[in-house]
Amino acid sequence: MSTLPADRTCATDPDLPHPTVTCVFAVTDTPPPDEAVAVAQGHDGGGPLRVLAAGPLHLIVQDVPAAAFGEAALTERLNRPEELERCARAHHRGVETAASAGPVVPMPMATLYLDDRNAVRAVTDREASLRTLLDRLRHRTEWAVKVHGPTSAHTSGAAGDGPADGRSYLRRVSERRRTEREERERALARAHAVDRELRHYALAATRHRPQSEQLTGRSVPQLLNTAYLVDDERRAEFVRAVGELARDARRSAVEVTMSGPWVPYSFARLDGDAHQEVGA
């Protein structure tokens, strides 16, 4: 996601006189209460989270050590899975803190500026676009729906049954592959039907790339990975619709799962390609 240009030159030179740089988590027009900010934890080794005014907008920021967040040091850290996860969790905590009082535009992880002045300038330069986006996200949240299709395990033994001659074996292999292909096509059709129905309840939707079995930790292929932007007043309708679709899908060995509500990361973008508007 790209919203504000990060001033990454701020931390590339270890000899710069700035011991810390400003890390921006999110922008909001409704600053969170002081008590929420005071108890929130940002990146390890940094200062406390704080609210930085930028005209009518506010940034949730943290002073972080320039040495640890320099370009080379940060790249090396983010190439280690445990450090990447640690940074991602800290970033999400900052975004959630910003979202505790109103809509937010999350910044990309490790959005860094030389100092507060540069961070404020980056926001004020795009104030009109940010305010429009915040108005669009107000009283709306993101919901994630995933559809997993059936495995083909029940057909895997087909090639080993029956006569052992080569022609029969090849025929059984061909039949097994055709059956698996037809099952997948039916499962995909079911997944697309789920998506079409849920778009009736959403303001916008965006499809993400299906996650691999390695990422999901499941042997069942993921057919659909979609995020929906839903008005809070339609939350109950959306949740009920997902529940009904999940029950119907089980009859065809397709699983529908939902998570949320989330901060609308998938829709908090200033470019026009982030989402597809849908009819409510």
C-alpha atoms as a PDB file:
ATOM      1  CA  MET A   1       0.000   0.000   0.000  1.00  0.00           C
ATOM      2  CA  SER A   2       1.328   3.441  -0.840  1.00  0.00           C
ATOM      3  CA  THR A   3      -0.282   6.518   0.638  1.00  0.00           C
ATOM      4  CA  LEU A   4       2.370   8.966   1.793  1.00  0.00           C
ATOM      5  CA  PRO A   5       5.955   9.051   0.536  1.00  0.00           C
ATOM      6  CA  ALA A   6       8.275   7.873   3.281  1.00  0.00           C
ATOM      7  CA  ASP A   7      11.434   9.932   3.760  1.00  0.00           C
ATOM      8  CA  ARG A   8      13.705   6.904   3.980  1.00  0.00           C
ATOM      9  CA  THR A   9      16.826   9.028   3.476  1.00  0.00           C
ATOM     10  CA  CYS A  10      16.446  10.018   7.105  1.00  0.00           C
ATOM     11  CA  ALA A  11      18.084   6.877   8.413  1.00  0.00           C
ATOM     12  CA  THR A  12      20.568   5.806   5.787  1.00  0.00           C
ATOM     13  CA  ASP A  13      23.565   7.658   7.216  1.00  0.00           C
ATOM     14  CA  PRO A  14      24.676   6.538  10.704  1.00  0.00           C
ATOM     15  CA  ASP A  15      26.552   9.806  11.144  1.00  0.00           C
ATOM     16  CA  LEU A  16      23.407  11.953  10.942  1.00  0.00           C
ATOM     17  CA  PRO A  17      22.953  14.091  14.058  1.00  0.00           C
ATOM     18  CA  HIS A  18      19.424  12.744  14.632  1.00  0.00           C
ATOM     19  CA  PRO A  19      19.445   9.908  17.195  1.00  0.00           C
ATOM     20  CA  THR A  20      15.793   9.177  16.434  1.00  0.00           C
ATOM     21  CA  VAL A  21      13.455   9.382  13.471  1.00  0.00           C
ATOM     22  CA  THR A  22       9.681   9.707  13.321  1.00  0.00           C
ATOM     23  CA  CYS A  23       7.777   6.519  12.517  1.00  0.00           C
ATOM     24  CA  VAL A  24       4.186   7.132  11.384  1.00  0.00           C
ATOM     25  CA  PHE A  25       1.571   4.429  11.963  1.00  0.00           C
ATOM     26  CA  ALA A  26      -1.633   6.051  10.749  1.00  0.00           C
ATOM     27  CA  VAL A  27      -3.486   9.271   9.970  1.00  0.00           C
ATOM     28  CA  THR A  28      -6.872  10.141  11.475  1.00  0.00           C
ATOM     29  CA  ASP A  29      -9.151  13.130  11.886  1.00  0.00           C
ATOM     30  CA  THR A  30     -10.368  11.828  15.251  1.00  0.00           C
ATOM     31  CA  PRO A  31      -7.405  11.559  17.622  1.00  0.00           C
ATOM     32  CA  PRO A  32      -7.627   8.725  20.152  1.00  0.00           C
ATOM     33  CA  PRO A  33      -7.903   9.561  23.860  1.00  0.00           C
ATOM     34  CA  ASP A  34      -4.688  10.155  25.752  1.00  0.00           C
ATOM     35  CA  GLU A  35      -5.228   7.094  27.941  1.00  0.00           C
ATOM     36  CA  ALA A  36      -5.448   4.803  24.906  1.00  0.00           C
ATOM     37  CA  VAL A  37      -2.227   6.189  23.473  1.00  0.00           C
ATOM     38  CA  ALA A  38      -0.435   5.994  26.824  1.00  0.00           C
ATOM     39  CA  VAL A  39      -0.939   2.245  27.218  1.00  0.00           C
ATOM     40  CA  ALA A  40      -0.213   1.292  23.594  1.00  0.00           C
ATOM     41  CA  GLN A  41       3.114  -0.285  22.683  1.00  0.00           C
ATOM     42  CA  GLY A  42       4.958   0.523  19.490  1.00  0.00           C
ATOM     43  CA  HIS A  43       8.276  -0.768  18.195  1.00  0.00           C
ATOM     44  CA  ASP A  44      10.757  -2.193  20.673  1.00  0.00           C
ATOM     45  CA  GLY A  45      13.415   0.300  21.663  1.00  0.00           C
ATOM     46  CA  GLY A  46      11.371   3.332  20.661  1.00  0.00           C
ATOM     47  CA  GLY A  47       9.670   5.999  22.703  1.00  0.00           C
ATOM     48  CA  PRO A  48       5.999   6.061  23.685  1.00  0.00           C
ATOM     49  CA  LEU A  49       3.345   6.478  21.053  1.00  0.00           C
ATOM     50  CA  ARG A  50       2.077  10.021  20.699  1.00  0.00           C
ATOM     51  CA  VAL A  51      -0.357  12.107  18.657  1.00  0.00           C
ATOM     52  CA  LEU A  52       1.105  14.645  16.248  1.00  0.00           C
ATOM     53  CA  ALA A  53      -1.197  17.367  14.910  1.00  0.00           C
ATOM     54  CA  ALA A  54      -1.149  18.163  11.186  1.00  0.00           C
ATOM     55  CA  GLY A  55      -3.798  20.823  10.750  1.00  0.00           C
ATOM     56  CA  PRO A  56      -7.226  19.153  11.035  1.00  0.00           C
ATOM     57  CA  LEU A  57      -5.559  15.744  10.800  1.00  0.00           C
ATOM     58  CA  HIS A  58      -3.544  13.823  13.378  1.00  0.00           C
ATOM     59  CA  LEU A  59      -0.743  11.281  13.077  1.00  0.00           C
ATOM     60  CA  ILE A  60      -0.020   8.459  15.474  1.00  0.00           C
ATOM     61  CA  VAL A  61       3.765   8.398  15.664  1.00  0.00           C
ATOM     62  CA  GLN A  62       6.690   7.038  17.629  1.00  0.00           C
ATOM     63  CA  ASP A  63      10.287   8.177  17.950  1.00  0.00           C
ATOM     64  CA  VAL A  64      12.451   5.193  16.986  1.00  0.00           C
ATOM     65  CA  PRO A  65      16.261   4.870  17.024  1.00  0.00           C
ATOM     66  CA  ALA A  66      17.771   5.904  13.708  1.00  0.00           C
ATOM     67  CA  ALA A  67      20.488   3.245  13.973  1.00  0.00           C
ATOM     68  CA  ALA A  68      17.950   0.396  14.207  1.00  0.00           C
ATOM     69  CA  PHE A  69      15.680   1.842  11.514  1.00  0.00           C
ATOM     70  CA  GLY A  70      18.318   2.836   8.994  1.00  0.00           C
ATOM     71  CA  GLU A  71      17.839   1.448   5.505  1.00  0.00           C
ATOM     72  CA  ALA A  72      20.456  -1.293   5.776  1.00  0.00           C
ATOM     73  CA  ALA A  73      19.595  -2.265   9.351  1.00  0.00           C
ATOM     74  CA  LEU A  74      15.864  -2.304   8.679  1.00  0.00           C
ATOM     75  CA  THR A  75      16.237  -4.350   5.499  1.00  0.00           C
ATOM     76  CA  GLU A  76      18.353  -6.900   7.339  1.00  0.00           C
ATOM     77  CA  ARG A  77      15.829  -7.133  10.186  1.00  0.00           C
ATOM     78  CA  LEU A  78      12.800  -7.489   7.926  1.00  0.00           C
ATOM     79  CA  ASN A  79      14.479 -10.329   6.064  1.00  0.00           C
ATOM     80  CA  ARG A  80      14.271 -12.377   9.269  1.00  0.00           C
ATOM     81  CA  PRO A  81      10.773 -13.858   9.730  1.00  0.00           C
ATOM     82  CA  GLU A  82      10.697 -13.352  13.492  1.00  0.00           C
ATOM     83  CA  GLU A  83      11.717  -9.695  13.165  1.00  0.00           C
ATOM     84  CA  LEU A  84       9.246  -9.125  10.348  1.00  0.00           C
ATOM     85  CA  GLU A  85       6.462 -10.520  12.501  1.00  0.00           C
ATOM     86  CA  ARG A  86       7.555  -8.409  15.468  1.00  0.00           C
ATOM     87  CA  CYS A  87       7.564  -5.222  13.384  1.00  0.00           C
ATOM     88  CA  ALA A  88       4.228  -6.075  11.776  1.00  0.00           C
ATOM     89  CA  ARG A  89       2.599  -6.636  15.167  1.00  0.00           C
ATOM     90  CA  ALA A  90       3.969  -3.342  16.490  1.00  0.00           C
ATOM     91  CA  HIS A  91       2.695  -1.533  13.406  1.00  0.00           C
ATOM     92  CA  HIS A  92      -0.739  -3.070  13.781  1.00  0.00           C
ATOM     93  CA  ARG A  93      -0.890  -2.024  17.445  1.00  0.00           C
ATOM     94  CA  GLY A  94      -0.197   1.551  16.412  1.00  0.00           C
ATOM     95  CA  VAL A  95      -2.884   1.459  13.735  1.00  0.00           C
ATOM     96  CA  GLU A  96      -5.436  -0.046  16.110  1.00  0.00           C
ATOM     97  CA  THR A  97      -4.654   2.671  18.649  1.00  0.00           C
ATOM     98  CA  ALA A  98      -5.322   5.311  15.998  1.00  0.00           C
ATOM     99  CA  ALA A  99      -8.594   3.580  15.071  1.00  0.00           C
ATOM    100  CA  SER A 100      -9.939   3.513  18.631  1.00  0.00           C
ATOM    101  CA  ALA A 101     -11.790   6.819  18.151  1.00  0.00           C
ATOM    102  CA  GLY A 102     -12.582   7.019  14.442  1.00  0.00           C
ATOM    103  CA  PRO A 103     -11.529   6.170  10.884  1.00  0.00           C
ATOM    104  CA  VAL A 104      -7.859   5.840   9.997  1.00  0.00           C
ATOM    105  CA  VAL A 105      -5.628   5.633   6.978  1.00  0.00           C
ATOM    106  CA  PRO A 106      -2.898   3.127   7.924  1.00  0.00           C
ATOM    107  CA  MET A 107       0.580   3.918   6.681  1.00  0.00           C
ATOM    108  CA  PRO A 108       2.816   1.242   5.176  1.00  0.00           C
ATOM    109  CA  MET A 109       4.907  -0.520   7.784  1.00  0.00           C
ATOM    110  CA  ALA A 110       8.072   1.418   8.702  1.00  0.00           C
ATOM    111  CA  THR A 111       6.988   4.736   7.214  1.00  0.00           C
ATOM    112  CA  LEU A 112       9.839   6.944   8.444  1.00  0.00           C
ATOM    113  CA  TYR A 113      10.606  10.661   8.386  1.00  0.00           C
ATOM    114  CA  LEU A 114      13.619  12.624   9.468  1.00  0.00           C
ATOM    115  CA  ASP A 115      11.558  14.526  12.034  1.00  0.00           C
ATOM    116  CA  ASP A 116       8.029  15.608  12.941  1.00  0.00           C
ATOM    117  CA  ARG A 117       8.117  18.573  10.576  1.00  0.00           C
ATOM    118  CA  ASN A 118       8.710  16.370   7.545  1.00  0.00           C
ATOM    119  CA  ALA A 119       5.981  13.960   8.643  1.00  0.00           C
ATOM    120  CA  VAL A 120       3.485  16.797   9.066  1.00  0.00           C
ATOM    121  CA  ARG A 121       4.397  18.271   5.691  1.00  0.00           C
ATOM    122  CA  ALA A 122       3.804  14.927   3.960  1.00  0.00           C
ATOM    123  CA  VAL A 123       0.299  14.826   5.430  1.00  0.00           C
ATOM    124  CA  THR A 124      -0.654  18.435   4.820  1.00  0.00           C
ATOM    125  CA  ASP A 125       0.464  18.140   1.189  1.00  0.00           C
ATOM    126  CA  ARG A 126      -2.261  15.508   0.701  1.00  0.00           C
ATOM    127  CA  GLU A 127      -4.772  16.790   3.218  1.00  0.00           C
ATOM    128  CA  ALA A 128      -7.730  17.020   0.817  1.00  0.00           C
ATOM    129  CA  SER A 129      -7.331  13.453  -0.459  1.00  0.00           C
ATOM    130  CA  LEU A 130      -6.812  12.073   3.045  1.00  0.00           C
ATOM    131  CA  ARG A 131      -9.885  13.828   4.416  1.00  0.00           C
ATOM    132  CA  THR A 132     -11.995  12.480   1.555  1.00  0.00           C
ATOM    133  CA  LEU A 133     -10.738   8.958   2.214  1.00  0.00           C
ATOM    134  CA  LEU A 134     -11.359   9.246   5.960  1.00  0.00           C
ATOM    135  CA  ASP A 135     -14.928  10.368   5.284  1.00  0.00           C
ATOM    136  CA  ARG A 136     -15.401   7.336   3.047  1.00  0.00           C
ATOM    137  CA  LEU A 137     -14.169   4.939   5.733  1.00  0.00           C
ATOM    138  CA  ARG A 138     -16.130   6.464   8.593  1.00  0.00           C
ATOM    139  CA  HIS A 139     -18.453   3.963  10.341  1.00  0.00           C
ATOM    140  CA  ARG A 140     -17.271   1.199   8.023  1.00  0.00           C
ATOM    141  CA  THR A 141     -15.100  -1.827   8.680  1.00  0.00           C
ATOM    142  CA  GLU A 142     -13.403  -4.574   6.708  1.00  0.00           C
ATOM    143  CA  TRP A 143     -14.508  -8.203   6.775  1.00  0.00           C
ATOM    144  CA  ALA A 144     -12.477 -11.042   5.297  1.00  0.00           C
ATOM    145  CA  VAL A 145     -14.168 -14.062   3.740  1.00  0.00           C
ATOM    146  CA  LYS A 146     -12.290 -17.118   2.522  1.00  0.00           C
ATOM    147  CA  VAL A 147     -13.634 -20.106   0.621  1.00  0.00           C
ATOM    148  CA  HIS A 148     -11.816 -23.442   0.627  1.00  0.00           C
ATOM    149  CA  GLY A 149     -12.598 -26.186  -1.838  1.00  0.00           C
ATOM    150  CA  PRO A 150     -12.723 -29.947  -1.361  1.00  0.00           C
ATOM    151  CA  THR A 151      -9.647 -32.118  -1.595  1.00  0.00           C
ATOM    152  CA  SER A 152      -9.498 -34.875  -4.174  1.00  0.00           C
ATOM    153  CA  ALA A 153      -8.336 -37.490  -1.676  1.00  0.00           C
ATOM    154  CA  HIS A 154     -11.393 -39.650  -2.217  1.00  0.00           C
ATOM    155  CA  THR A 155     -10.427 -40.146  -5.875  1.00  0.00           C
ATOM    156  CA  SER A 156      -6.706 -40.668  -5.345  1.00  0.00           C
ATOM    157  CA  GLY A 157      -6.963 -44.435  -5.192  1.00  0.00           C
ATOM    158  CA  ALA A 158      -8.973 -44.793  -8.366  1.00  0.00           C
ATOM    159  CA  ALA A 159      -5.964 -45.509 -10.564  1.00  0.00           C
ATOM    160  CA  GLY A 160      -5.000 -48.479  -8.402  1.00  0.00           C
ATOM    161  CA  ASP A 161      -8.374 -50.229  -8.604  1.00  0.00           C
ATOM    162  CA  GLY A 162      -9.514 -52.661 -11.256  1.00  0.00           C
ATOM    163  CA  PRO A 163      -7.509 -54.525 -13.929  1.00  0.00           C
ATOM    164  CA  ALA A 164      -3.780 -53.978 -13.954  1.00  0.00           C
ATOM    165  CA  ASP A 165      -3.259 -53.755 -17.754  1.00  0.00           C
ATOM    166  CA  GLY A 166      -1.809 -50.498 -19.075  1.00  0.00           C
ATOM    167  CA  ARG A 167      -4.837 -49.380 -21.078  1.00  0.00           C
ATOM    168  CA  SER A 168      -7.192 -49.769 -18.124  1.00  0.00           C
ATOM    169  CA  TYR A 169      -4.774 -47.972 -15.839  1.00  0.00           C
ATOM    170  CA  LEU A 170      -4.494 -44.986 -18.205  1.00  0.00           C
ATOM    171  CA  ARG A 171      -8.268 -44.848 -18.533  1.00  0.00           C
ATOM    172  CA  ARG A 172      -8.677 -44.730 -14.756  1.00  0.00           C
ATOM    173  CA  VAL A 173      -6.043 -41.998 -14.474  1.00  0.00           C
ATOM    174  CA  SER A 174      -7.861 -39.962 -17.115  1.00  0.00           C
ATOM    175  CA  GLU A 175     -11.199 -40.442 -15.370  1.00  0.00           C
ATOM    176  CA  ARG A 176      -9.701 -39.438 -12.025  1.00  0.00           C
ATOM    177  CA  ARG A 177      -8.250 -36.254 -13.485  1.00  0.00           C
ATOM    178  CA  ARG A 178     -11.521 -35.392 -15.182  1.00  0.00           C
ATOM    179  CA  THR A 179     -13.412 -35.926 -11.915  1.00  0.00           C
ATOM    180  CA  GLU A 180     -10.968 -33.741  -9.995  1.00  0.00           C
ATOM    181  CA  ARG A 181     -11.221 -31.011 -12.648  1.00  0.00           C
ATOM    182  CA  GLU A 182     -15.015 -31.081 -12.556  1.00  0.00           C
ATOM    183  CA  GLU A 183     -15.004 -30.962  -8.752  1.00  0.00           C
ATOM    184  CA  ARG A 184     -12.726 -27.954  -8.768  1.00  0.00           C
ATOM    185  CA  GLU A 185     -14.860 -26.173 -11.369  1.00  0.00           C
ATOM    186  CA  ARG A 186     -17.968 -26.749  -9.265  1.00  0.00           C
ATOM    187  CA  ALA A 187     -16.151 -25.522  -6.155  1.00  0.00           C
ATOM    188  CA  LEU A 188     -14.944 -22.391  -7.960  1.00  0.00           C
ATOM    189  CA  ALA A 189     -18.455 -21.703  -9.203  1.00  0.00           C
ATOM    190  CA  ARG A 190     -19.697 -22.026  -5.648  1.00  0.00           C
ATOM    191  CA  ALA A 191     -17.007 -19.636  -4.396  1.00  0.00           C
ATOM    192  CA  HIS A 192     -17.894 -17.058  -7.033  1.00  0.00           C
ATOM    193  CA  ALA A 193     -21.568 -17.372  -6.102  1.00  0.00           C
ATOM    194  CA  VAL A 194     -20.653 -16.628  -2.478  1.00  0.00           C
ATOM    195  CA  ASP A 195     -18.748 -13.538  -3.578  1.00  0.00           C
ATOM    196  CA  ARG A 196     -21.616 -12.281  -5.768  1.00  0.00           C
ATOM    197  CA  GLU A 197     -24.098 -12.623  -2.922  1.00  0.00           C
ATOM    198  CA  LEU A 198     -21.923 -10.877  -0.338  1.00  0.00           C
ATOM    199  CA  ARG A 199     -21.326  -7.900  -2.611  1.00  0.00           C
ATOM    200  CA  HIS A 200     -25.002  -7.013  -2.146  1.00  0.00           C
ATOM    201  CA  TYR A 201     -24.186  -6.144   1.467  1.00  0.00           C
ATOM    202  CA  ALA A 202     -20.891  -4.314   0.887  1.00  0.00           C
ATOM    203  CA  LEU A 203     -19.934  -0.864  -0.252  1.00  0.00           C
ATOM    204  CA  ALA A 204     -16.795  -2.211  -1.933  1.00  0.00           C
ATOM    205  CA  ALA A 205     -14.897  -5.463  -2.294  1.00  0.00           C
ATOM    206  CA  THR A 206     -11.436  -6.501  -3.351  1.00  0.00           C
ATOM    207  CA  ARG A 207     -10.076  -9.935  -4.129  1.00  0.00           C
ATOM    208  CA  HIS A 208      -6.689 -10.885  -2.775  1.00  0.00           C
ATOM    209  CA  ARG A 209      -4.526 -13.651  -4.170  1.00  0.00           C
ATOM    210  CA  PRO A 210      -5.583 -16.998  -2.647  1.00  0.00           C
ATOM    211  CA  GLN A 211      -3.132 -18.090   0.014  1.00  0.00           C
ATOM    212  CA  SER A 212      -1.022 -21.180  -0.497  1.00  0.00           C
ATOM    213  CA  GLU A 213      -1.533 -24.308   1.565  1.00  0.00           C
ATOM    214  CA  GLN A 214       1.820 -23.551   3.190  1.00  0.00           C
ATOM    215  CA  LEU A 215       0.486 -20.227   4.490  1.00  0.00           C
ATOM    216  CA  THR A 216      -2.927 -21.496   5.544  1.00  0.00           C
ATOM    217  CA  GLY A 217      -1.535 -24.659   7.132  1.00  0.00           C
ATOM    218  CA  ARG A 218      -4.342 -26.634   5.514  1.00  0.00           C
ATOM    219  CA  SER A 219      -4.361 -29.307   2.847  1.00  0.00           C
ATOM    220  CA  VAL A 220      -7.562 -27.927   1.325  1.00  0.00           C
ATOM    221  CA  PRO A 221      -6.993 -25.396  -1.507  1.00  0.00           C
ATOM    222  CA  GLN A 222      -8.160 -21.835  -0.980  1.00  0.00           C
ATOM    223  CA  LEU A 223     -10.462 -20.757  -3.795  1.00  0.00           C
ATOM    224  CA  LEU A 224     -11.441 -17.261  -2.714  1.00  0.00           C
ATOM    225  CA  ASN A 225      -9.797 -14.632  -0.498  1.00  0.00           C
ATOM    226  CA  THR A 226     -11.885 -11.476  -0.535  1.00  0.00           C
ATOM    227  CA  ALA A 227     -12.193  -8.377   1.653  1.00  0.00           C
ATOM    228  CA  TYR A 228     -15.467  -6.456   1.930  1.00  0.00           C
ATOM    229  CA  LEU A 229     -16.022  -2.902   3.129  1.00  0.00           C
ATOM    230  CA  VAL A 230     -19.267  -2.952   5.080  1.00  0.00           C
ATOM    231  CA  ASP A 231     -21.282  -0.157   6.673  1.00  0.00           C
ATOM    232  CA  ASP A 232     -21.508  -0.737  10.409  1.00  0.00           C
ATOM    233  CA  GLU A 233     -25.280  -0.467  10.202  1.00  0.00           C
ATOM    234  CA  ARG A 234     -25.321  -3.444   7.819  1.00  0.00           C
ATOM    235  CA  ARG A 235     -22.943  -5.533   9.907  1.00  0.00           C
ATOM    236  CA  ALA A 236     -25.636  -7.864  11.223  1.00  0.00           C
ATOM    237  CA  GLU A 237     -27.004  -8.446   7.711  1.00  0.00           C
ATOM    238  CA  PHE A 238     -23.554  -9.247   6.361  1.00  0.00           C
ATOM    239  CA  VAL A 239     -22.703 -11.646   9.178  1.00  0.00           C
ATOM    240  CA  ARG A 240     -26.051 -13.386   8.818  1.00  0.00           C
ATOM    241  CA  ALA A 241     -25.585 -13.731   5.056  1.00  0.00           C
ATOM    242  CA  VAL A 242     -22.139 -15.297   5.520  1.00  0.00           C
ATOM    243  CA  GLY A 243     -23.570 -17.754   8.030  1.00  0.00           C
ATOM    244  CA  GLU A 244     -26.315 -18.834   5.640  1.00  0.00           C
ATOM    245  CA  LEU A 245     -23.866 -19.190   2.758  1.00  0.00           C
ATOM    246  CA  ALA A 246     -21.519 -21.234   4.941  1.00  0.00           C
ATOM    247  CA  ARG A 247     -24.301 -23.655   5.856  1.00  0.00           C
ATOM    248  CA  ASP A 248     -25.376 -24.022   2.224  1.00  0.00           C
ATOM    249  CA  ALA A 249     -21.776 -24.494   1.066  1.00  0.00           C
ATOM    250  CA  ARG A 250     -21.164 -27.400   3.423  1.00  0.00           C
ATOM    251  CA  ARG A 251     -23.588 -29.499   1.403  1.00  0.00           C
ATOM    252  CA  SER A 252     -21.223 -29.225  -1.547  1.00  0.00           C
ATOM    253  CA  ALA A 253     -18.072 -29.846   0.559  1.00  0.00           C
ATOM    254  CA  VAL A 254     -17.025 -26.183   0.281  1.00  0.00           C
ATOM    255  CA  GLU A 255     -16.084 -24.281   3.441  1.00  0.00           C
ATOM    256  CA  VAL A 256     -16.817 -20.570   3.924  1.00  0.00           C
ATOM    257  CA  THR A 257     -15.060 -18.759   6.788  1.00  0.00           C
ATOM    258  CA  MET A 258     -15.218 -15.149   7.938  1.00  0.00           C
ATOM    259  CA  SER A 259     -13.096 -12.891  10.150  1.00  0.00           C
ATOM    260  CA  GLY A 260     -13.570  -9.304  11.278  1.00  0.00           C
ATOM    261  CA  PRO A 261     -14.323  -6.585  11.827  1.00  0.00           C
ATOM    262  CA  TRP A 262     -10.924  -5.186  10.932  1.00  0.00           C
ATOM    263  CA  VAL A 263      -9.420  -1.785  10.309  1.00  0.00           C
ATOM    264  CA  PRO A 264     -10.065  -1.389   6.556  1.00  0.00           C
ATOM    265  CA  TYR A 265      -6.477  -1.829   5.383  1.00  0.00           C
ATOM    266  CA  SER A 266      -7.622  -3.096   1.985  1.00  0.00           C
ATOM    267  CA  PHE A 267      -9.628   0.058   1.278  1.00  0.00           C
ATOM    268  CA  ALA A 268      -7.534   2.785   2.945  1.00  0.00           C
ATOM    269  CA  ARG A 269      -5.727   3.738  -0.231  1.00  0.00           C
ATOM    270  CA  LEU A 270      -5.559   6.924  -2.230  1.00  0.00           C
ATOM    271  CA  ASP A 271      -5.108   5.238  -5.624  1.00  0.00           C
ATOM    272  CA  GLY A 272      -8.107   4.151  -7.644  1.00  0.00           C
ATOM    273  CA  ASP A 273      -7.109   0.509  -8.058  1.00  0.00           C
ATOM    274  CA  ALA A 274      -7.445  -0.577  -4.445  1.00  0.00           C
ATOM    275  CA  HIS A 275     -10.998  -1.804  -4.602  1.00  0.00           C
ATOM    276  CA  GLN A 276     -14.004  -2.410  -6.769  1.00  0.00           C
ATOM    277  CA  GLU A 277     -17.168  -0.511  -5.962  1.00  0.00           C
ATOM    278  CA  VAL A 278     -20.224  -2.713  -5.693  1.00  0.00           C
ATOM    279  CA  GLY A 279     -23.890  -2.015  -5.561  1.00  0.00           C
ATOM    280  CA  ALA A 280     -25.337  -2.056  -2.075  1.00  0.00           C
END
